[in-house]
């Protein structure tokens, strides 16, 4: 739960990887964000036809109060989520549209300004380094570039989180109540709060 971005795609040209990593690293350092570099050069500066899941290329970084943004690729240039690869079995890894190829990052606690910066950075990277890139931004800023819509979506998500926290604090688990029944009761309370505004 929380406002997030979801994205996937491919790296455009194998020989551009060192420049890409340098640019992302520079932005991370300017903002004081932690980062980790994986392989910095594709083998022979070409994409591989073979699917190898134990060697990654690219970089990930963590903006303040955000989840980690992974810009990591397999040797064939396809973007992946390294954490999902680690927790997937062989069958999941070999599926063409597996969940490992989509990254999801909660940016809600980073705030409007950092979220906006992340989206603009993705636009820049997409134009220069990605192909077949897709993003779903729960604030709709990626899709619309509408700052007012962005702020409204942040307020809605903040309100939902506040209501959920209030519900947990107000409605403790009752004796002999199953966890499913408890969450049904919590969500009814949250929805009632939301609808009463």
N, C-alpha and C. Protein backbone atom coordinates (compact mmCIF):
# COMPACT_ATOMS: atom_id res chain seq x y z
N UNK A 1 0.85 -1.18 0.00
CA UNK A 1 0.00 0.00 0.00
C UNK A 1 0.89 1.24 0.00
N UNK A 2 0.59 2.16 -0.84
CA UNK A 2 1.37 3.39 -0.95
C UNK A 2 1.62 3.72 -2.40
N UNK A 3 1.66 5.00 -2.71
CA UNK A 3 1.83 5.46 -4.08
C UNK A 3 3.15 4.94 -4.66
N UNK A 4 3.07 4.34 -5.84
CA UNK A 4 4.22 3.68 -6.44
C UNK A 4 4.32 3.94 -7.93
N UNK A 5 5.47 3.60 -8.48
CA UNK A 5 5.66 3.56 -9.92
C UNK A 5 5.99 2.11 -10.30
N UNK A 6 5.61 1.73 -11.51
CA UNK A 6 5.87 0.39 -12.02
C UNK A 6 6.44 0.57 -13.43
N UNK A 7 7.54 -0.10 -13.73
CA UNK A 7 8.19 0.14 -15.01
C UNK A 7 8.92 -1.09 -15.52
N UNK A 8 9.10 -1.12 -16.85
CA UNK A 8 9.82 -2.22 -17.49
C UNK A 8 10.31 -1.76 -18.86
N UNK A 9 11.22 -2.51 -19.43
CA UNK A 9 11.72 -2.16 -20.75
C UNK A 9 13.03 -2.86 -21.05
N UNK A 10 13.76 -2.29 -22.01
CA UNK A 10 15.03 -2.85 -22.49
C UNK A 10 16.07 -1.74 -22.56
N UNK A 11 17.33 -2.13 -22.44
CA UNK A 11 18.41 -1.19 -22.67
C UNK A 11 18.58 -1.05 -24.18
N UNK A 12 18.81 0.16 -24.65
CA UNK A 12 18.78 0.45 -26.09
C UNK A 12 19.98 -0.13 -26.84
N UNK A 13 21.18 0.12 -26.32
CA UNK A 13 22.40 -0.24 -27.05
C UNK A 13 23.48 -0.65 -26.05
N UNK A 14 23.99 -1.86 -26.19
CA UNK A 14 24.91 -2.43 -25.21
C UNK A 14 26.12 -1.53 -24.92
N UNK A 15 26.66 -0.89 -25.94
CA UNK A 15 27.86 -0.07 -25.77
C UNK A 15 27.64 1.19 -24.94
N UNK A 16 26.38 1.55 -24.68
CA UNK A 16 26.08 2.76 -23.90
C UNK A 16 26.08 2.53 -22.38
N UNK A 17 26.20 1.28 -21.96
CA UNK A 17 26.08 0.98 -20.53
C UNK A 17 27.04 1.77 -19.64
N UNK A 18 28.34 1.88 -19.96
CA UNK A 18 29.22 2.65 -19.08
C UNK A 18 28.78 4.11 -18.92
N UNK A 19 28.34 4.74 -20.00
CA UNK A 19 27.86 6.13 -19.92
C UNK A 19 26.60 6.22 -19.06
N UNK A 20 25.70 5.27 -19.25
CA UNK A 20 24.47 5.21 -18.48
C UNK A 20 24.77 5.12 -16.97
N UNK A 21 25.64 4.18 -16.62
CA UNK A 21 25.98 4.00 -15.20
C UNK A 21 26.63 5.26 -14.65
N UNK A 22 27.50 5.87 -15.41
CA UNK A 22 28.17 7.10 -14.97
C UNK A 22 27.14 8.21 -14.69
N UNK A 23 26.17 8.37 -15.59
CA UNK A 23 25.17 9.42 -15.41
C UNK A 23 24.28 9.15 -14.20
N UNK A 24 23.83 7.91 -14.04
CA UNK A 24 22.98 7.58 -12.89
C UNK A 24 23.76 7.74 -11.59
N UNK A 25 25.00 7.30 -11.59
CA UNK A 25 25.85 7.44 -10.40
C UNK A 25 26.05 8.91 -10.04
N UNK A 26 26.28 9.74 -11.04
CA UNK A 26 26.46 11.18 -10.79
C UNK A 26 25.22 11.79 -10.15
N UNK A 27 24.04 11.45 -10.65
CA UNK A 27 22.79 11.98 -10.07
C UNK A 27 22.63 11.49 -8.63
N UNK A 28 22.90 10.21 -8.40
CA UNK A 28 22.80 9.66 -7.05
C UNK A 28 23.76 10.38 -6.10
N UNK A 29 24.99 10.61 -6.53
CA UNK A 29 25.97 11.28 -5.68
C UNK A 29 25.59 12.73 -5.41
N UNK A 30 25.09 13.43 -6.41
CA UNK A 30 24.66 14.82 -6.23
C UNK A 30 23.60 14.93 -5.14
N UNK A 31 22.68 13.95 -5.10
CA UNK A 31 21.57 13.98 -4.13
C UNK A 31 21.89 13.23 -2.84
N UNK A 32 23.05 12.64 -2.76
CA UNK A 32 23.43 11.91 -1.55
C UNK A 32 22.67 10.60 -1.39
N UNK A 33 22.27 9.98 -2.52
CA UNK A 33 21.54 8.72 -2.49
C UNK A 33 22.52 7.56 -2.58
N UNK A 34 22.26 6.51 -1.82
CA UNK A 34 23.10 5.32 -1.91
C UNK A 34 22.84 4.63 -3.25
N UNK A 35 23.86 3.99 -3.77
CA UNK A 35 23.72 3.27 -5.03
C UNK A 35 24.62 2.04 -5.02
N UNK A 36 24.32 1.11 -5.92
CA UNK A 36 25.14 -0.08 -6.10
C UNK A 36 25.26 -0.34 -7.59
N UNK A 37 26.48 -0.56 -8.04
CA UNK A 37 26.73 -0.86 -9.45
C UNK A 37 26.89 -2.37 -9.59
N UNK A 38 26.25 -2.91 -10.61
CA UNK A 38 26.39 -4.33 -10.94
C UNK A 38 27.42 -4.40 -12.07
N UNK A 39 27.29 -5.28 -13.02
CA UNK A 39 28.23 -5.30 -14.14
C UNK A 39 28.17 -3.97 -14.88
N UNK A 40 29.33 -3.38 -15.18
CA UNK A 40 29.38 -2.05 -15.80
C UNK A 40 29.56 -2.11 -17.31
N UNK A 41 29.80 -3.31 -17.84
CA UNK A 41 29.98 -3.47 -19.29
C UNK A 41 29.35 -4.81 -19.68
N UNK A 42 28.51 -4.79 -20.72
CA UNK A 42 28.00 -6.05 -21.25
C UNK A 42 29.16 -6.80 -21.89
N UNK A 43 29.18 -8.14 -21.83
CA UNK A 43 30.27 -8.90 -22.44
C UNK A 43 30.44 -8.53 -23.92
N UNK A 44 31.65 -8.17 -24.27
CA UNK A 44 32.01 -7.76 -25.64
C UNK A 44 31.15 -6.60 -26.13
N UNK A 45 30.60 -5.85 -25.18
CA UNK A 45 29.73 -4.70 -25.47
C UNK A 45 28.61 -5.05 -26.44
N UNK A 46 28.07 -6.28 -26.27
CA UNK A 46 26.94 -6.74 -27.07
C UNK A 46 25.93 -7.43 -26.15
N UNK A 47 24.68 -7.48 -26.61
CA UNK A 47 23.67 -8.24 -25.89
C UNK A 47 23.82 -9.71 -26.24
N UNK A 48 23.53 -10.55 -25.30
CA UNK A 48 23.62 -11.99 -25.47
C UNK A 48 22.25 -12.55 -25.88
N UNK A 49 22.26 -13.61 -26.63
CA UNK A 49 21.01 -14.30 -26.98
C UNK A 49 20.59 -15.21 -25.84
N UNK A 50 21.55 -15.66 -25.07
CA UNK A 50 21.30 -16.61 -24.00
C UNK A 50 20.76 -15.90 -22.75
N UNK A 51 19.78 -16.52 -22.11
CA UNK A 51 19.22 -15.97 -20.87
C UNK A 51 20.04 -16.47 -19.69
N UNK A 52 20.74 -15.57 -19.03
CA UNK A 52 21.55 -15.91 -17.86
C UNK A 52 21.01 -15.09 -16.69
N UNK A 53 20.66 -15.78 -15.60
CA UNK A 53 20.01 -15.10 -14.48
C UNK A 53 20.92 -14.90 -13.28
N UNK A 54 22.21 -15.18 -13.42
CA UNK A 54 23.09 -15.02 -12.27
C UNK A 54 24.10 -13.88 -12.45
N UNK A 55 23.96 -13.11 -13.53
CA UNK A 55 24.84 -11.96 -13.75
C UNK A 55 23.98 -10.79 -14.19
N UNK A 56 24.09 -9.68 -13.46
CA UNK A 56 23.29 -8.49 -13.75
C UNK A 56 24.20 -7.35 -14.19
N UNK A 57 23.59 -6.41 -14.94
CA UNK A 57 24.31 -5.24 -15.45
C UNK A 57 23.49 -4.00 -15.14
N UNK A 58 24.16 -2.94 -14.73
CA UNK A 58 23.44 -1.70 -14.45
C UNK A 58 23.70 -1.18 -13.05
N UNK A 59 22.72 -0.50 -12.53
CA UNK A 59 22.88 0.19 -11.24
C UNK A 59 21.52 0.31 -10.58
N UNK A 60 21.52 0.34 -9.26
CA UNK A 60 20.31 0.77 -8.57
C UNK A 60 20.67 1.80 -7.52
N UNK A 61 19.69 2.64 -7.18
CA UNK A 61 19.92 3.72 -6.22
C UNK A 61 18.68 3.91 -5.37
N UNK A 62 18.87 4.52 -4.21
CA UNK A 62 17.77 4.68 -3.26
C UNK A 62 17.61 6.14 -2.87
N UNK A 63 16.62 6.83 -3.48
CA UNK A 63 16.35 8.21 -3.07
C UNK A 63 15.89 8.25 -1.61
N UNK A 64 16.11 9.36 -0.95
CA UNK A 64 15.72 9.53 0.44
C UNK A 64 14.24 9.23 0.61
N UNK A 65 13.92 8.37 1.58
CA UNK A 65 12.55 7.98 1.94
C UNK A 65 11.80 7.27 0.82
N UNK A 66 12.52 6.70 -0.13
CA UNK A 66 11.92 5.93 -1.22
C UNK A 66 12.46 4.52 -1.18
N UNK A 67 11.75 3.61 -1.84
CA UNK A 67 12.31 2.30 -2.05
C UNK A 67 13.38 2.41 -3.15
N UNK A 68 14.18 1.38 -3.27
CA UNK A 68 15.28 1.37 -4.24
C UNK A 68 14.76 1.32 -5.68
N UNK A 69 15.35 2.15 -6.51
CA UNK A 69 15.03 2.18 -7.93
C UNK A 69 16.08 1.36 -8.67
N UNK A 70 15.63 0.28 -9.27
CA UNK A 70 16.52 -0.65 -9.94
C UNK A 70 16.54 -0.38 -11.43
N UNK A 71 17.72 -0.14 -11.96
CA UNK A 71 17.96 0.03 -13.39
C UNK A 71 18.97 -1.04 -13.79
N UNK A 72 18.50 -2.27 -13.71
CA UNK A 72 19.36 -3.44 -13.82
C UNK A 72 18.84 -4.33 -14.96
N UNK A 73 19.78 -4.94 -15.70
CA UNK A 73 19.45 -5.66 -16.92
C UNK A 73 20.12 -7.03 -16.94
N UNK A 74 19.50 -7.94 -17.67
CA UNK A 74 20.13 -9.22 -17.98
C UNK A 74 21.07 -9.01 -19.16
N UNK A 75 21.84 -10.02 -19.49
CA UNK A 75 22.81 -9.90 -20.59
C UNK A 75 22.15 -9.70 -21.95
N UNK A 76 20.85 -9.97 -22.06
CA UNK A 76 20.14 -9.72 -23.32
C UNK A 76 19.58 -8.30 -23.40
N UNK A 77 19.83 -7.49 -22.37
CA UNK A 77 19.39 -6.09 -22.35
C UNK A 77 18.02 -5.87 -21.74
N UNK A 78 17.36 -6.93 -21.31
CA UNK A 78 16.03 -6.77 -20.74
C UNK A 78 16.13 -6.35 -19.27
N UNK A 79 15.35 -5.33 -18.91
CA UNK A 79 15.33 -4.84 -17.53
C UNK A 79 14.69 -5.89 -16.62
N UNK A 80 15.26 -6.05 -15.45
CA UNK A 80 14.73 -7.00 -14.47
C UNK A 80 14.72 -6.38 -13.09
N UNK A 81 14.03 -7.05 -12.19
CA UNK A 81 14.05 -6.70 -10.76
C UNK A 81 14.92 -7.75 -10.08
N UNK A 82 16.13 -7.38 -9.65
CA UNK A 82 17.05 -8.38 -9.07
C UNK A 82 16.47 -9.13 -7.87
N UNK A 83 15.71 -8.45 -7.04
CA UNK A 83 15.13 -9.10 -5.86
C UNK A 83 14.14 -10.19 -6.29
N UNK A 84 13.33 -9.87 -7.30
CA UNK A 84 12.35 -10.86 -7.77
C UNK A 84 13.05 -12.05 -8.42
N UNK A 85 14.17 -11.80 -9.09
CA UNK A 85 14.93 -12.91 -9.68
C UNK A 85 15.41 -13.84 -8.58
N UNK A 86 15.92 -13.27 -7.50
CA UNK A 86 16.44 -14.08 -6.39
C UNK A 86 15.37 -14.97 -5.77
N UNK A 87 14.13 -14.50 -5.74
CA UNK A 87 13.07 -15.24 -5.07
C UNK A 87 12.16 -15.99 -6.04
N UNK A 88 12.59 -16.15 -7.29
CA UNK A 88 11.80 -16.87 -8.28
C UNK A 88 12.39 -18.25 -8.52
N UNK A 89 11.52 -19.19 -8.85
CA UNK A 89 12.01 -20.52 -9.22
C UNK A 89 12.29 -20.55 -10.72
N UNK A 90 12.86 -21.62 -11.18
CA UNK A 90 13.27 -21.74 -12.59
C UNK A 90 12.10 -21.54 -13.56
N UNK A 91 10.94 -22.07 -13.22
CA UNK A 91 9.76 -21.94 -14.09
C UNK A 91 9.37 -20.47 -14.23
N UNK A 92 9.35 -19.74 -13.12
CA UNK A 92 9.02 -18.31 -13.17
C UNK A 92 10.05 -17.54 -13.99
N UNK A 93 11.31 -17.89 -13.85
CA UNK A 93 12.37 -17.19 -14.58
C UNK A 93 12.25 -17.38 -16.08
N UNK A 94 11.77 -18.52 -16.50
CA UNK A 94 11.72 -18.82 -17.93
C UNK A 94 10.43 -18.35 -18.60
N UNK A 95 9.47 -17.85 -17.84
CA UNK A 95 8.24 -17.33 -18.45
C UNK A 95 8.52 -16.01 -19.14
N UNK A 96 8.02 -15.87 -20.35
CA UNK A 96 8.29 -14.69 -21.17
C UNK A 96 7.85 -13.40 -20.49
N UNK A 97 6.71 -13.42 -19.84
CA UNK A 97 6.17 -12.23 -19.19
C UNK A 97 6.18 -12.35 -17.67
N UNK A 98 7.21 -12.97 -17.15
CA UNK A 98 7.34 -13.17 -15.71
C UNK A 98 7.35 -11.84 -14.95
N UNK A 99 6.97 -11.92 -13.70
CA UNK A 99 6.98 -10.73 -12.82
C UNK A 99 8.38 -10.18 -12.60
N UNK A 100 9.42 -10.93 -12.94
CA UNK A 100 10.80 -10.44 -12.73
C UNK A 100 11.12 -9.27 -13.66
N UNK A 101 10.33 -9.08 -14.72
CA UNK A 101 10.62 -8.04 -15.71
C UNK A 101 9.94 -6.71 -15.40
N UNK A 102 9.22 -6.64 -14.29
CA UNK A 102 8.59 -5.38 -13.89
C UNK A 102 9.12 -4.97 -12.53
N UNK A 103 9.51 -3.71 -12.43
CA UNK A 103 9.96 -3.14 -11.16
C UNK A 103 8.82 -2.31 -10.57
N UNK A 104 8.64 -2.41 -9.28
CA UNK A 104 7.65 -1.61 -8.57
C UNK A 104 8.35 -0.92 -7.40
N UNK A 105 8.17 0.39 -7.33
CA UNK A 105 8.89 1.19 -6.32
C UNK A 105 7.92 2.14 -5.65
N UNK A 106 7.81 2.03 -4.33
CA UNK A 106 6.98 2.96 -3.57
C UNK A 106 7.77 4.25 -3.35
N UNK A 107 7.20 5.36 -3.82
CA UNK A 107 7.85 6.67 -3.69
C UNK A 107 7.07 7.62 -2.79
N UNK A 108 5.95 7.16 -2.24
CA UNK A 108 5.06 8.03 -1.49
C UNK A 108 5.76 8.79 -0.37
N UNK A 109 6.59 8.11 0.39
CA UNK A 109 7.22 8.76 1.54
C UNK A 109 8.38 9.67 1.14
N UNK A 110 8.80 9.59 -0.11
CA UNK A 110 9.83 10.51 -0.61
C UNK A 110 9.25 11.89 -0.84
N UNK A 111 7.93 11.96 -1.07
CA UNK A 111 7.25 13.24 -1.25
C UNK A 111 7.13 13.64 -2.71
N UNK A 112 6.34 14.67 -2.92
CA UNK A 112 6.01 15.15 -4.26
C UNK A 112 7.25 15.57 -5.05
N UNK A 113 8.13 16.35 -4.42
CA UNK A 113 9.29 16.91 -5.14
C UNK A 113 10.23 15.80 -5.61
N UNK A 114 10.52 14.84 -4.73
CA UNK A 114 11.43 13.76 -5.11
C UNK A 114 10.76 12.85 -6.16
N UNK A 115 9.47 12.59 -5.99
CA UNK A 115 8.75 11.78 -6.98
C UNK A 115 8.84 12.45 -8.36
N UNK A 116 8.61 13.73 -8.38
CA UNK A 116 8.67 14.50 -9.62
C UNK A 116 10.09 14.42 -10.24
N UNK A 117 11.10 14.56 -9.42
CA UNK A 117 12.48 14.45 -9.88
C UNK A 117 12.74 13.07 -10.48
N UNK A 118 12.25 12.03 -9.82
CA UNK A 118 12.44 10.66 -10.31
C UNK A 118 11.78 10.50 -11.68
N UNK A 119 10.58 11.01 -11.83
CA UNK A 119 9.87 10.88 -13.11
C UNK A 119 10.62 11.63 -14.21
N UNK A 120 11.09 12.84 -13.93
CA UNK A 120 11.85 13.59 -14.94
C UNK A 120 13.15 12.87 -15.30
N UNK A 121 13.78 12.26 -14.31
CA UNK A 121 15.00 11.51 -14.57
C UNK A 121 14.70 10.30 -15.47
N UNK A 122 13.60 9.60 -15.19
CA UNK A 122 13.20 8.48 -16.04
C UNK A 122 12.94 8.95 -17.47
N UNK A 123 12.32 10.11 -17.64
CA UNK A 123 12.07 10.62 -18.99
C UNK A 123 13.38 10.82 -19.74
N UNK A 124 14.34 11.41 -19.05
CA UNK A 124 15.66 11.64 -19.65
C UNK A 124 16.31 10.29 -20.02
N UNK A 125 16.32 9.34 -19.07
CA UNK A 125 16.94 8.04 -19.32
C UNK A 125 16.24 7.30 -20.45
N UNK A 126 14.92 7.38 -20.47
CA UNK A 126 14.16 6.70 -21.51
C UNK A 126 14.54 7.23 -22.89
N UNK A 127 14.63 8.53 -23.03
CA UNK A 127 14.97 9.12 -24.33
C UNK A 127 16.37 8.73 -24.80
N UNK A 128 17.28 8.56 -23.86
CA UNK A 128 18.68 8.34 -24.23
C UNK A 128 19.11 6.87 -24.22
N UNK A 129 18.54 6.08 -23.28
CA UNK A 129 19.10 4.75 -23.05
C UNK A 129 18.13 3.57 -23.17
N UNK A 130 16.83 3.79 -23.15
CA UNK A 130 15.89 2.67 -23.12
C UNK A 130 15.16 2.51 -24.45
N UNK A 131 14.61 1.33 -24.64
CA UNK A 131 13.68 1.08 -25.74
C UNK A 131 12.52 0.25 -25.20
N UNK A 132 11.39 0.38 -25.83
CA UNK A 132 10.19 -0.34 -25.41
C UNK A 132 9.93 -0.16 -23.91
N UNK A 133 10.17 1.05 -23.44
CA UNK A 133 10.01 1.34 -22.02
C UNK A 133 8.55 1.67 -21.72
N UNK A 134 8.05 1.13 -20.62
CA UNK A 134 6.69 1.42 -20.16
C UNK A 134 6.73 1.77 -18.68
N UNK A 135 5.95 2.78 -18.32
CA UNK A 135 5.82 3.14 -16.91
C UNK A 135 4.36 3.37 -16.58
N UNK A 136 3.98 2.89 -15.41
CA UNK A 136 2.67 3.19 -14.83
C UNK A 136 2.96 3.93 -13.54
N UNK A 137 2.54 5.18 -13.48
CA UNK A 137 2.77 6.04 -12.32
C UNK A 137 1.44 6.25 -11.62
N UNK A 138 1.32 5.80 -10.39
CA UNK A 138 0.05 5.91 -9.66
C UNK A 138 -0.33 7.35 -9.36
N UNK A 139 0.60 8.28 -9.55
CA UNK A 139 0.26 9.71 -9.40
C UNK A 139 -0.18 10.31 -10.73
N UNK A 140 0.00 9.56 -11.82
CA UNK A 140 -0.31 9.98 -13.19
C UNK A 140 0.61 11.08 -13.71
N UNK A 141 1.67 11.38 -12.99
CA UNK A 141 2.58 12.43 -13.45
C UNK A 141 3.34 12.00 -14.70
N UNK A 142 3.77 10.75 -14.76
CA UNK A 142 4.45 10.24 -15.95
C UNK A 142 3.57 10.39 -17.18
N UNK A 143 2.29 10.05 -17.01
CA UNK A 143 1.37 10.05 -18.14
C UNK A 143 0.91 11.45 -18.53
N UNK A 144 0.76 12.36 -17.56
CA UNK A 144 0.13 13.65 -17.84
C UNK A 144 1.04 14.86 -17.69
N UNK A 145 2.11 14.73 -16.92
CA UNK A 145 2.98 15.87 -16.58
C UNK A 145 2.19 16.97 -15.86
N UNK A 146 1.09 16.57 -15.21
CA UNK A 146 0.19 17.50 -14.53
C UNK A 146 0.55 17.55 -13.04
N UNK A 147 1.17 18.66 -12.64
CA UNK A 147 1.64 18.81 -11.26
C UNK A 147 0.48 18.83 -10.26
N UNK A 148 -0.64 19.41 -10.63
CA UNK A 148 -1.80 19.46 -9.73
C UNK A 148 -2.36 18.06 -9.49
N UNK A 149 -2.45 17.27 -10.55
CA UNK A 149 -2.94 15.89 -10.42
C UNK A 149 -1.98 15.09 -9.52
N UNK A 150 -0.68 15.32 -9.69
CA UNK A 150 0.33 14.68 -8.86
C UNK A 150 0.09 14.98 -7.38
N UNK A 151 -0.11 16.24 -7.06
CA UNK A 151 -0.32 16.64 -5.66
C UNK A 151 -1.61 16.05 -5.10
N UNK A 152 -2.66 16.03 -5.91
CA UNK A 152 -3.93 15.46 -5.47
C UNK A 152 -3.77 13.98 -5.15
N UNK A 153 -3.08 13.25 -6.03
CA UNK A 153 -2.89 11.82 -5.81
C UNK A 153 -2.08 11.56 -4.53
N UNK A 154 -1.07 12.38 -4.28
CA UNK A 154 -0.30 12.23 -3.04
C UNK A 154 -1.20 12.45 -1.83
N UNK A 155 -2.07 13.44 -1.88
CA UNK A 155 -2.99 13.70 -0.76
C UNK A 155 -3.94 12.53 -0.55
N UNK A 156 -4.44 11.96 -1.64
CA UNK A 156 -5.35 10.81 -1.53
C UNK A 156 -4.64 9.63 -0.87
N UNK A 157 -3.43 9.32 -1.31
CA UNK A 157 -2.69 8.20 -0.73
C UNK A 157 -2.31 8.47 0.72
N UNK A 158 -1.93 9.71 1.03
CA UNK A 158 -1.61 10.05 2.42
C UNK A 158 -2.83 9.85 3.30
N UNK A 159 -4.00 10.27 2.81
CA UNK A 159 -5.24 10.12 3.56
C UNK A 159 -5.58 8.65 3.78
N UNK A 160 -5.41 7.85 2.74
CA UNK A 160 -5.67 6.41 2.87
C UNK A 160 -4.76 5.79 3.92
N UNK A 161 -3.48 6.16 3.89
CA UNK A 161 -2.54 5.62 4.88
C UNK A 161 -2.91 6.07 6.29
N UNK A 162 -3.26 7.35 6.43
CA UNK A 162 -3.67 7.86 7.74
C UNK A 162 -4.89 7.12 8.25
N UNK A 163 -5.87 6.89 7.36
CA UNK A 163 -7.08 6.17 7.76
C UNK A 163 -6.78 4.74 8.16
N UNK A 164 -5.86 4.10 7.46
CA UNK A 164 -5.51 2.73 7.78
C UNK A 164 -4.81 2.65 9.14
N UNK A 165 -3.88 3.57 9.38
CA UNK A 165 -3.19 3.61 10.68
C UNK A 165 -4.19 3.87 11.81
N UNK A 166 -5.10 4.83 11.58
CA UNK A 166 -6.13 5.12 12.57
C UNK A 166 -6.98 3.89 12.85
N UNK A 167 -7.32 3.16 11.80
CA UNK A 167 -8.14 1.95 11.96
C UNK A 167 -7.42 0.92 12.81
N UNK A 168 -6.14 0.72 12.56
CA UNK A 168 -5.37 -0.27 13.34
C UNK A 168 -5.29 0.15 14.80
N UNK A 169 -5.07 1.46 15.04
CA UNK A 169 -4.98 1.94 16.41
C UNK A 169 -6.33 1.89 17.12
N UNK A 170 -7.41 2.14 16.38
CA UNK A 170 -8.75 2.22 16.97
C UNK A 170 -9.40 0.85 17.14
N UNK A 171 -9.10 -0.05 16.23
CA UNK A 171 -9.75 -1.36 16.21
C UNK A 171 -8.74 -2.48 16.38
N UNK A 172 -8.38 -2.81 17.59
CA UNK A 172 -7.43 -3.92 17.78
C UNK A 172 -8.08 -5.26 17.45
N UNK A 173 -7.26 -6.24 17.21
CA UNK A 173 -7.72 -7.60 16.96
C UNK A 173 -8.49 -8.09 18.18
N UNK A 174 -9.69 -8.61 17.95
CA UNK A 174 -10.51 -9.10 19.06
C UNK A 174 -10.18 -10.56 19.36
N UNK A 175 -10.45 -10.93 20.60
CA UNK A 175 -10.20 -12.31 21.03
C UNK A 175 -10.99 -13.26 20.13
N UNK A 176 -10.36 -14.31 19.67
CA UNK A 176 -10.96 -15.34 18.82
C UNK A 176 -11.36 -14.83 17.43
N UNK A 177 -10.85 -13.66 17.02
CA UNK A 177 -11.14 -13.15 15.68
C UNK A 177 -10.03 -13.60 14.73
N UNK A 178 -10.40 -14.19 13.62
CA UNK A 178 -9.43 -14.61 12.62
C UNK A 178 -8.84 -13.40 11.91
N UNK A 179 -7.64 -13.56 11.35
CA UNK A 179 -6.96 -12.45 10.71
C UNK A 179 -7.74 -11.94 9.49
N UNK A 180 -8.38 -12.85 8.74
CA UNK A 180 -9.18 -12.43 7.58
C UNK A 180 -10.37 -11.59 8.02
N UNK A 181 -11.04 -12.03 9.06
CA UNK A 181 -12.19 -11.26 9.58
C UNK A 181 -11.74 -9.90 10.10
N UNK A 182 -10.57 -9.89 10.75
CA UNK A 182 -10.04 -8.64 11.28
C UNK A 182 -9.78 -7.64 10.14
N UNK A 183 -9.14 -8.10 9.07
CA UNK A 183 -8.84 -7.19 7.96
C UNK A 183 -10.10 -6.75 7.23
N UNK A 184 -11.10 -7.62 7.15
CA UNK A 184 -12.38 -7.21 6.56
C UNK A 184 -12.99 -6.08 7.38
N UNK A 185 -12.94 -6.23 8.69
CA UNK A 185 -13.48 -5.20 9.58
C UNK A 185 -12.68 -3.90 9.45
N UNK A 186 -11.35 -4.02 9.39
CA UNK A 186 -10.48 -2.84 9.24
C UNK A 186 -10.79 -2.11 7.93
N UNK A 187 -10.86 -2.86 6.84
CA UNK A 187 -11.08 -2.22 5.54
C UNK A 187 -12.46 -1.58 5.45
N UNK A 188 -13.46 -2.19 6.09
CA UNK A 188 -14.79 -1.57 6.13
C UNK A 188 -14.70 -0.24 6.87
N UNK A 189 -13.97 -0.23 7.98
CA UNK A 189 -13.81 1.00 8.76
C UNK A 189 -13.08 2.07 7.94
N UNK A 190 -11.99 1.68 7.25
CA UNK A 190 -11.24 2.62 6.43
C UNK A 190 -12.12 3.19 5.32
N UNK A 191 -12.86 2.31 4.64
CA UNK A 191 -13.75 2.77 3.57
C UNK A 191 -14.86 3.68 4.09
N UNK A 192 -15.40 3.37 5.27
CA UNK A 192 -16.40 4.26 5.87
C UNK A 192 -15.82 5.62 6.17
N UNK A 193 -14.57 5.65 6.69
CA UNK A 193 -13.89 6.93 6.95
C UNK A 193 -13.71 7.73 5.66
N UNK A 194 -13.25 7.02 4.62
CA UNK A 194 -13.00 7.68 3.34
C UNK A 194 -14.30 8.23 2.75
N UNK A 195 -15.37 7.48 2.83
CA UNK A 195 -16.64 7.90 2.26
C UNK A 195 -17.34 8.99 3.06
N UNK A 196 -16.97 9.14 4.32
CA UNK A 196 -17.62 10.17 5.15
C UNK A 196 -17.03 11.54 4.93
N UNK A 197 -15.90 11.64 4.18
CA UNK A 197 -15.25 12.93 3.95
C UNK A 197 -15.83 13.66 2.78
